[in-house]
Protein backbone atom coordinates (compact mmCIF):
# COMPACT_ATOMS: atom_id res chain seq x y z
CA UNK A 1 -0.62 -15.64 -3.70
CA UNK A 2 -1.09 -19.24 -2.63
CA UNK A 3 2.40 -19.32 -1.16
CA UNK A 4 1.75 -16.10 0.75
CA UNK A 5 -1.30 -17.60 2.45
CA UNK A 6 0.58 -20.78 3.33
CA UNK A 7 3.50 -18.85 4.79
CA UNK A 8 1.08 -16.67 6.80
CA UNK A 9 -0.75 -19.67 8.25
CA UNK A 10 2.14 -21.98 9.12
CA UNK A 11 4.17 -21.70 12.32
CA UNK A 12 4.94 -19.20 13.45
CA UNK A 13 1.89 -17.53 11.91
CA UNK A 14 1.96 -13.88 10.95
CA UNK A 15 1.39 -11.33 8.24
CA UNK A 16 2.86 -11.56 4.75
CA UNK A 17 3.13 -8.76 2.21
CA UNK A 18 2.53 -8.99 -1.54
CA UNK A 19 3.11 -6.13 -3.93
CA UNK A 20 2.05 -6.48 -7.57
CA UNK A 21 2.16 -3.98 -10.45
CA UNK A 22 -1.23 -2.54 -11.39
CA UNK A 23 -1.26 -4.19 -14.83
CA UNK A 24 -0.67 -7.59 -13.22
CA UNK A 25 -3.41 -6.97 -10.67
CA UNK A 26 -5.81 -6.06 -13.50
CA UNK A 27 -5.30 -9.24 -15.54
CA UNK A 28 -8.09 -11.84 -15.54
CA UNK A 29 -7.04 -15.09 -13.92
CA UNK A 30 -8.47 -18.49 -14.75
CA UNK A 31 -7.77 -20.24 -11.46
CA UNK A 32 -9.42 -21.44 -8.27
CA UNK A 33 -7.96 -21.47 -4.78
CA UNK A 34 -6.06 -24.57 -3.82
CA UNK A 35 -7.68 -26.70 -1.09
CA UNK A 36 -6.43 -25.71 2.35
CA UNK A 37 -4.59 -28.40 4.23
CA UNK A 38 -3.20 -28.31 7.73
CA UNK A 39 0.58 -28.62 7.73
CA UNK A 40 1.85 -32.02 8.88
CA UNK A 41 2.71 -32.12 12.58
CA UNK A 42 6.23 -32.89 13.65
CA UNK A 43 6.63 -35.77 16.09
CA UNK A 44 9.42 -35.63 18.68
CA UNK A 45 11.65 -38.65 18.62
CA UNK A 46 11.66 -41.26 21.38
CA UNK A 47 15.28 -40.52 22.26
CA UNK A 48 14.65 -36.79 22.55
CA UNK A 49 11.60 -37.39 24.77
CA UNK A 50 13.54 -39.73 27.02
CA UNK A 51 16.41 -37.25 27.29
CA UNK A 52 14.07 -34.36 28.09
CA UNK A 53 12.27 -36.46 30.74
CA UNK A 54 15.62 -37.32 32.27
CA UNK A 55 16.59 -33.65 32.52
CA UNK A 56 13.23 -32.71 34.07
CA UNK A 57 13.10 -35.56 36.57
CA UNK A 58 16.73 -35.21 37.66
CA UNK A 59 16.50 -31.45 38.15
CA UNK A 60 16.45 -30.04 41.66
CA UNK A 61 14.93 -26.67 40.69
CA UNK A 62 13.29 -26.86 37.26
CA UNK A 63 11.19 -23.94 35.97
CA UNK A 64 8.89 -23.57 32.97
CA UNK A 65 9.07 -20.33 30.99
CA UNK A 66 5.78 -20.13 29.07
CA UNK A 67 5.57 -17.79 26.08
CA UNK A 68 2.92 -16.75 23.62
CA UNK A 69 3.28 -19.99 21.67
CA UNK A 70 1.39 -21.80 24.46
CA UNK A 71 -1.64 -19.60 23.88
CA UNK A 72 -1.29 -19.58 20.11
CA UNK A 73 -1.09 -23.38 20.09
CA UNK A 74 -4.05 -23.75 22.51
CA UNK A 75 -1.78 -25.81 24.75
CA UNK A 76 -2.63 -24.26 28.14
CA UNK A 77 -4.60 -27.32 29.37
CA UNK A 78 -1.67 -29.62 28.60
CA UNK A 79 0.80 -27.20 30.22
CA UNK A 80 -1.31 -27.10 33.37
CA UNK A 81 -1.45 -30.89 33.44
CA UNK A 82 2.32 -31.10 32.90
CA UNK A 83 2.88 -28.75 35.84
CA UNK A 84 0.57 -30.80 38.07
CA UNK A 85 2.11 -34.11 37.00
CA UNK A 86 5.73 -33.05 37.46
CA UNK A 87 5.48 -30.34 40.11
CA UNK A 88 7.39 -27.91 37.89
CA UNK A 89 6.24 -24.29 38.46
CA UNK A 90 5.46 -21.93 35.58
CA UNK A 91 6.50 -18.33 34.90
CA UNK A 92 4.84 -16.44 32.06
CA UNK A 93 6.01 -13.75 29.65
CA UNK A 94 3.85 -10.67 29.01
CA UNK A 95 2.31 -12.43 26.00
CA UNK A 96 1.96 -15.76 27.80
CA UNK A 97 -0.39 -14.49 30.52
CA UNK A 98 -3.13 -16.98 31.31
CA UNK A 99 -1.13 -20.09 30.45
CA UNK A 100 -1.70 -20.86 34.14
CA UNK A 101 -4.40 -19.29 36.26
CA UNK A 102 -2.58 -16.59 38.21
CA UNK A 103 -4.09 -17.98 41.45
CA UNK A 104 -2.61 -21.46 40.83
CA UNK A 105 -0.01 -22.46 43.44
CA UNK A 106 2.32 -23.43 40.59
CA UNK A 107 2.11 -19.96 39.00
CA UNK A 108 5.26 -17.89 39.58
CA UNK A 109 3.89 -14.70 38.01
CA UNK A 110 4.69 -12.61 34.95
CA UNK A 111 8.38 -12.02 34.31
CA UNK A 112 10.27 -9.71 31.98
CA UNK A 113 9.95 -6.23 33.46
CA UNK A 114 12.58 -5.82 36.18
CA UNK A 115 16.02 -7.09 37.00
CA UNK A 116 14.90 -9.12 40.05
CA UNK A 117 11.93 -10.79 38.31
CA UNK A 118 13.75 -13.98 37.52
CA UNK A 119 15.59 -14.08 40.84
CA UNK A 120 12.33 -13.86 42.84
CA UNK A 121 10.61 -16.33 40.52
CA UNK A 122 13.32 -18.93 41.19
CA UNK A 123 15.35 -18.68 37.97
CA UNK A 124 18.54 -17.75 39.78
CA UNK A 125 18.70 -21.18 41.42
CA UNK A 126 17.04 -23.07 38.56
CA UNK A 127 19.16 -25.78 37.01
CA UNK A 128 16.72 -26.66 34.20
CA UNK A 129 14.53 -24.19 32.27
CA UNK A 130 11.78 -25.67 30.10
CA UNK A 131 10.99 -23.02 27.48
CA UNK A 132 7.51 -23.72 26.11
CA UNK A 133 6.34 -21.63 23.16
CA UNK A 134 8.91 -18.99 24.14
CA UNK A 135 10.22 -16.48 21.60
CA UNK A 136 13.43 -14.53 22.24
CA UNK A 137 11.65 -11.29 21.29
CA UNK A 138 9.43 -11.64 24.39
CA UNK A 139 12.44 -10.93 26.64
CA UNK A 140 16.09 -11.64 25.93
CA UNK A 141 17.43 -14.85 27.57
CA UNK A 142 20.47 -13.01 28.93
CA UNK A 143 18.13 -11.70 31.66
CA UNK A 144 17.22 -15.17 32.94
CA UNK A 145 20.40 -17.07 31.98
CA UNK A 146 23.15 -14.46 32.54
CA UNK A 147 25.76 -17.05 33.58
CA UNK A 148 24.80 -19.42 30.74
CA UNK A 149 24.59 -22.23 33.26
CA UNK A 150 21.01 -23.43 32.71
CA UNK A 151 20.13 -26.67 30.98
CA UNK A 152 17.47 -25.59 28.47
CA UNK A 153 14.72 -27.86 27.18
CA UNK A 154 12.76 -26.31 24.30
CA UNK A 155 9.19 -27.27 23.42
CA UNK A 156 7.98 -25.44 20.34
CA UNK A 157 6.47 -25.79 16.88
CA UNK A 158 9.64 -24.66 15.06
CA UNK A 159 13.37 -25.03 15.78
CA UNK A 160 14.76 -22.65 18.39
CA UNK A 161 16.56 -19.45 17.50
CA UNK A 162 20.00 -19.95 18.99
CA UNK A 163 21.52 -17.25 21.18
CA UNK A 164 24.71 -17.05 23.25
CA UNK A 165 22.46 -17.28 26.32
CA UNK A 166 19.97 -19.69 24.74
CA UNK A 167 21.52 -22.96 23.60
CA UNK A 168 19.05 -25.83 24.04
CA UNK A 169 20.24 -29.17 25.33
CA UNK A 170 17.25 -30.84 23.68
CA UNK A 171 14.38 -29.65 21.45
CA UNK A 172 10.94 -31.25 21.26
CA UNK A 173 9.21 -29.97 18.13
CA UNK A 174 5.58 -30.40 17.12
CA UNK A 175 2.11 -29.53 18.30
CA UNK A 176 2.74 -28.10 21.78
CA UNK A 177 -0.23 -29.78 23.44
CA UNK A 178 0.72 -33.17 22.00
CA UNK A 179 4.39 -32.77 22.98
CA UNK A 180 3.50 -31.73 26.53
CA UNK A 181 1.20 -34.74 26.87
CA UNK A 182 3.94 -37.10 25.75
CA UNK A 183 6.52 -35.49 28.02
CA UNK A 184 4.13 -35.76 30.99
CA UNK A 185 3.72 -39.48 30.26
CA UNK A 186 7.48 -39.93 29.93
CA UNK A 187 8.06 -38.16 33.26
CA UNK A 188 5.44 -40.31 35.02
CA UNK A 189 7.25 -43.42 33.83
CA UNK A 190 10.61 -42.03 34.90
CA UNK A 191 12.31 -42.15 38.28
CA UNK A 192 10.80 -39.19 40.19
CA UNK A 193 14.22 -37.83 41.12
CA UNK A 194 15.07 -35.66 44.16
CA UNK A 195 12.45 -34.06 46.36
CA UNK A 196 12.08 -30.45 45.27
CA UNK A 197 11.49 -27.31 47.33
CA UNK A 198 8.15 -25.54 47.05
CA UNK A 199 7.90 -23.10 44.13
CA UNK A 200 9.03 -19.57 44.91
CA UNK A 201 6.06 -17.29 45.50
CA UNK A 202 8.13 -14.19 46.26
CA UNK A 203 7.49 -12.36 42.99
CA UNK A 204 3.78 -13.11 42.97
CA UNK A 205 3.45 -12.15 46.65
CA UNK A 206 5.12 -8.75 46.12
CA UNK A 207 2.90 -7.94 43.13
CA UNK A 208 -0.37 -9.12 44.65
CA UNK A 209 0.38 -7.31 47.91
CA UNK A 210 0.86 -4.03 46.06
CA UNK A 211 -2.27 -4.66 43.97
CA UNK A 212 -4.38 -5.32 47.05
CA UNK A 213 -3.00 -2.18 48.70
CA UNK A 214 -4.17 -0.20 45.68
CA UNK A 215 -7.74 -1.19 46.47
CA UNK A 216 -7.92 1.46 49.21
CA UNK A 217 -5.91 4.16 47.43
CA UNK A 218 -8.30 7.09 46.94
CA UNK A 219 -5.71 9.46 45.45
CA UNK A 220 -6.81 11.40 42.38
CA UNK A 221 -5.67 11.45 39.63
CA UNK A 222 -5.83 7.69 40.07
CA UNK A 223 -2.68 5.68 40.68
CA UNK A 224 -2.17 2.63 38.46
CA UNK A 225 -2.60 -0.13 41.12
CA UNK A 226 -6.09 1.18 41.96
CA UNK A 227 -7.02 1.32 38.27
CA UNK A 228 -5.77 -2.24 37.68
CA UNK A 229 -7.59 -3.49 40.79
CA UNK A 230 -10.89 -2.00 39.55
CA UNK A 231 -10.41 -3.56 36.12
CA UNK A 232 -9.77 -7.01 37.61
CA UNK A 233 -12.84 -6.75 39.85
CA UNK A 234 -15.11 -5.69 36.99
CA UNK A 235 -14.10 -8.43 34.53
CA UNK A 236 -14.87 -12.13 34.76
CA UNK A 237 -12.47 -15.02 34.25
CA UNK A 238 -13.04 -15.27 30.49
CA UNK A 239 -13.64 -11.58 29.76
CA UNK A 240 -10.91 -9.88 27.73
CA UNK A 241 -8.59 -6.96 28.47
CA UNK A 242 -6.67 -5.46 25.53
CA UNK A 243 -3.73 -3.24 26.43
CA UNK A 244 -2.31 -0.60 24.13
CA UNK A 245 1.37 0.35 24.33
CA UNK A 246 2.60 2.78 26.98
CA UNK A 247 3.26 2.96 30.70
CA UNK A 248 -0.14 1.43 31.43
CA UNK A 249 0.99 -1.71 29.57
CA UNK A 250 3.74 -2.30 32.13
CA UNK A 251 1.31 -2.00 35.03
CA UNK A 252 -1.18 -4.34 33.35
CA UNK A 253 1.50 -6.86 32.42
CA UNK A 254 2.80 -6.81 35.97
CA UNK A 255 -0.40 -6.66 38.04
CA UNK A 256 -3.46 -7.72 36.06
CA UNK A 257 -3.88 -11.44 36.75
CA UNK A 258 -5.19 -13.66 33.95
CA UNK A 259 -7.31 -16.70 34.75
CA UNK A 260 -7.46 -18.08 31.20
CA UNK A 261 -5.42 -17.94 27.98
CA UNK A 262 -6.02 -15.12 25.50
CA UNK A 263 -7.92 -13.00 28.03
CA UNK A 264 -5.13 -10.40 28.30
CA UNK A 265 -3.86 -9.23 24.91
CA UNK A 266 -0.59 -7.29 25.09
CA UNK A 267 1.58 -6.16 22.18
CA UNK A 268 5.26 -6.84 22.83
CA UNK A 269 8.35 -6.91 20.66
CA UNK A 270 7.78 -4.16 18.08
CA UNK A 271 4.83 -3.04 20.24
CA UNK A 272 3.06 -0.53 18.04
CA UNK A 273 0.99 2.22 19.69
CA UNK A 274 -2.64 2.25 18.54
CA UNK A 275 -2.93 -1.54 18.91
CA UNK A 276 -5.79 -1.69 21.40
CA UNK A 277 -8.81 -0.24 19.59
CA UNK A 278 -8.75 -2.41 16.44
CA UNK A 279 -7.75 -5.42 18.52
CA UNK A 280 -10.71 -4.91 20.86
CA UNK A 281 -13.03 -4.72 17.83
CA UNK A 282 -11.60 -8.01 16.57
CA UNK A 283 -11.82 -9.61 20.03
CA UNK A 284 -15.51 -8.71 20.28
CA UNK A 285 -16.21 -10.00 16.76
CA UNK A 286 -14.57 -13.33 17.60
CA UNK A 287 -16.08 -13.55 21.11
CA UNK A 288 -19.38 -11.64 21.12
CA UNK A 289 -20.39 -13.45 24.31
CA UNK A 290 -17.49 -11.98 26.31
CA UNK A 291 -17.07 -8.52 27.79
CA UNK A 292 -14.10 -6.63 26.36
CA UNK A 293 -12.17 -3.62 27.67
CA UNK A 294 -9.47 -1.73 25.75
CA UNK A 295 -7.02 0.25 27.90
CA UNK A 296 -5.14 3.02 26.09
CA UNK A 297 -2.88 5.87 27.04
CA UNK A 298 -3.94 9.23 25.69
CA UNK A 299 -1.03 9.22 23.22
CA UNK A 300 -1.79 5.77 21.83
CA UNK A 301 -5.53 6.47 21.74
CA UNK A 302 -5.01 9.58 19.57
CA UNK A 303 -3.09 7.46 17.04
CA UNK A 304 -6.15 5.33 16.27
CA UNK A 305 -9.18 7.08 17.74
CA UNK A 306 -10.93 7.03 14.35
CA UNK A 307 -11.59 3.33 14.97
CA UNK A 308 -14.41 4.41 17.28
CA UNK A 309 -16.39 4.89 14.08
CA UNK A 310 -15.63 1.30 13.08
CA UNK A 311 -16.68 0.04 16.50
CA UNK A 312 -20.01 1.84 16.28
CA UNK A 313 -20.66 0.85 12.66
CA UNK A 314 -19.95 -2.83 13.40
CA UNK A 315 -21.86 -2.62 16.69
CA UNK A 316 -19.01 -4.15 18.65
CA UNK A 317 -19.82 -3.49 22.29
CA UNK A 318 -16.67 -2.87 24.31
CA UNK A 319 -15.39 -0.21 26.70
CA UNK A 320 -12.38 1.95 25.91
CA UNK A 321 -10.62 3.30 29.01
CA UNK A 322 -8.20 6.15 28.29
CA UNK A 323 -5.54 6.60 30.99
CA UNK A 324 -4.90 10.33 30.63
CA UNK A 325 -1.66 12.01 31.71
CA UNK A 326 -1.06 14.48 28.87
CA UNK A 327 2.20 12.87 27.77
CA UNK A 328 3.90 10.03 25.95
CA UNK A 329 4.60 8.65 29.40
CA UNK A 330 6.62 5.60 28.41
CA UNK A 331 8.94 7.63 26.17
CA UNK A 332 9.36 10.30 28.85
CA UNK A 333 10.18 7.60 31.40
CA UNK A 334 12.83 6.05 29.15
CA UNK A 335 14.32 9.47 28.47
CA UNK A 336 14.55 10.18 32.20
CA UNK A 337 16.22 6.80 32.77
CA UNK A 338 18.82 7.51 30.11
CA UNK A 339 19.36 11.26 30.44
CA UNK A 340 19.64 11.85 34.16
CA UNK A 341 16.02 12.63 34.90
CA UNK A 342 15.44 14.92 31.89
CA UNK A 343 12.85 14.42 29.14
CA UNK A 344 11.96 16.43 26.05
CA UNK A 345 9.15 16.67 23.49
CA UNK A 346 6.82 14.21 25.21
CA UNK A 347 4.12 16.48 26.72
CA UNK A 348 1.00 17.48 24.81
CA UNK A 349 -2.50 18.87 25.20
CA UNK A 350 -5.56 16.69 24.72
CA UNK A 351 -8.96 17.27 23.16
CA UNK A 352 -12.09 16.76 25.24
CA UNK A 353 -12.19 12.97 24.92
CA UNK A 354 -15.79 12.78 26.14
CA UNK A 355 -17.04 15.12 23.42
CA UNK A 356 -14.80 13.38 20.87
CA UNK A 357 -16.40 10.00 21.65
CA UNK A 358 -19.87 11.55 21.64
CA UNK A 359 -19.19 12.96 18.16
CA UNK A 360 -18.82 9.34 17.01
CA UNK A 361 -22.17 8.54 18.64
CA UNK A 362 -20.72 6.76 21.71
CA UNK A 363 -21.65 7.37 25.34
CA UNK A 364 -18.67 8.66 27.30
CA UNK A 365 -17.77 9.82 30.80
CA UNK A 366 -14.88 11.46 32.62
CA UNK A 367 -14.02 10.17 36.10
CA UNK A 368 -13.64 12.76 38.84
CA UNK A 369 -12.53 10.45 41.67
CA UNK A 370 -10.91 7.06 42.20
CA UNK A 371 -14.20 5.65 43.48
CA UNK A 372 -15.99 6.92 40.38
CA UNK A 373 -14.04 4.64 38.04
CA UNK A 374 -15.32 1.25 39.25
CA UNK A 375 -18.95 2.32 39.09
CA UNK A 376 -18.68 3.86 35.64
CA UNK A 377 -16.82 0.81 34.33
CA UNK A 378 -19.52 -1.60 35.50
CA UNK A 379 -22.23 0.67 34.08
CA UNK A 380 -20.48 0.88 30.71
CA UNK A 381 -19.98 -2.89 30.52
CA UNK A 382 -23.69 -3.42 31.15
CA UNK A 383 -24.85 -1.09 28.35
CA UNK A 384 -24.11 -3.45 25.47
CA UNK A 385 -22.73 -0.70 23.21
CA UNK A 386 -19.30 0.77 22.53
CA UNK A 387 -18.41 3.44 25.08
CA UNK A 388 -15.48 5.39 26.48
CA UNK A 389 -14.22 6.33 29.95
CA UNK A 390 -11.54 8.96 30.56
CA UNK A 391 -9.45 8.21 33.65
CA UNK A 392 -6.90 10.83 34.77
CA UNK A 393 -3.85 8.90 35.99
CA UNK A 394 -0.86 9.80 38.16
CA UNK A 395 2.27 7.90 37.05
CA UNK A 396 4.55 9.67 39.52
CA UNK A 397 4.83 6.65 41.80
CA UNK A 398 7.58 4.21 40.90
CA UNK A 399 6.49 2.44 37.74
CA UNK A 400 7.26 -1.03 38.94
CA UNK A 401 8.01 -1.32 42.64
CA UNK A 402 11.75 -0.73 42.22
CA UNK A 403 12.58 -0.93 45.92
CA UNK A 404 11.59 -4.59 45.97
CA UNK A 405 12.03 -5.70 42.36
CA UNK A 406 14.96 -3.63 41.14
CA UNK A 407 15.38 -1.37 38.13
CA UNK A 408 13.32 -1.91 34.99
CA UNK A 409 15.15 -3.91 32.34
CA UNK A 410 12.74 -2.72 29.63
CA UNK A 411 14.08 0.82 30.08
CA UNK A 412 17.39 -0.29 28.59
CA UNK A 413 15.94 -1.91 25.47
């Protein structure tokens, strides 16, 4: 039992599973918990730091790829300082959103959805990639290092998982904030190297242009850019958006800009549907002072809608927004990509979500226009109780701006 807790808490933290026979579980135990101690922090060696600083300072087009480990290690302030000190721009994975404020000039945007992401973010010409808190499960390195020609500097809490496309030249292991501080100092003391071009803003410009255009899109059912725009306008810099798994997740990952770490929670990797409702409850319990919105597809919502009872019982005040299209939209989209435009077994009928939420004792509304959504969202956020909004959505427009950004790489995985 003690080992299970230690394994769960040490890097990289996660769940552990214990299974004991009933007779063992029933035995009395004369024991007390061991005192909890923080694991000792690794310290990168002087030679490794000097070598990493040399790579960074000598690079003509270095890029940081920031993953979820930055947020988990509370290292966003040190990453931002490193970017300012060295001039190295930062791209984020889906689960690394908020490592840099999306309005920062050094922010390249969120990568990992389409084949031209990395090209437009400057990875195609990058000679050095500094992977900070990056996990291969967030998006395979073959997408950003297809020619295996990048010099890779890894900053993480555990040794890197080696891949044919991910072979680090140097690894700096330890507390991410501490390592980034030390590397910033080493780079300041180093020869500044060649003058670098301005960071590529092409990816961010394409996405933000499409998001801003969605502001005036009055089509109904609502198109995703308008829905994302309304969500961003309604929430403050430290408020929290929790995305379930489905087509809406791709739009949120692509277009919803994060100002701060851990303000956009997205399940990636195994990416289980039904994630958003219990996660929003937990987010509100941890941060009762923040406003929280859970965005679900109708399919994912039906997998965990009973958690509305938990939300009401615990008095966790957040808004659930159900993007309704009467289908497992993400699965249908992948089927169409693979099977020549055909899909099967993905359409379904829905209950009356408003009456369903009301049966749990929650106020609920159904939007009947694009303009209706913003007003209802602000009203729901101001109530201070759990509530639900049903938003009919039209996914028929290209999921991810394919004309400018290319085909979706996630459709092939």
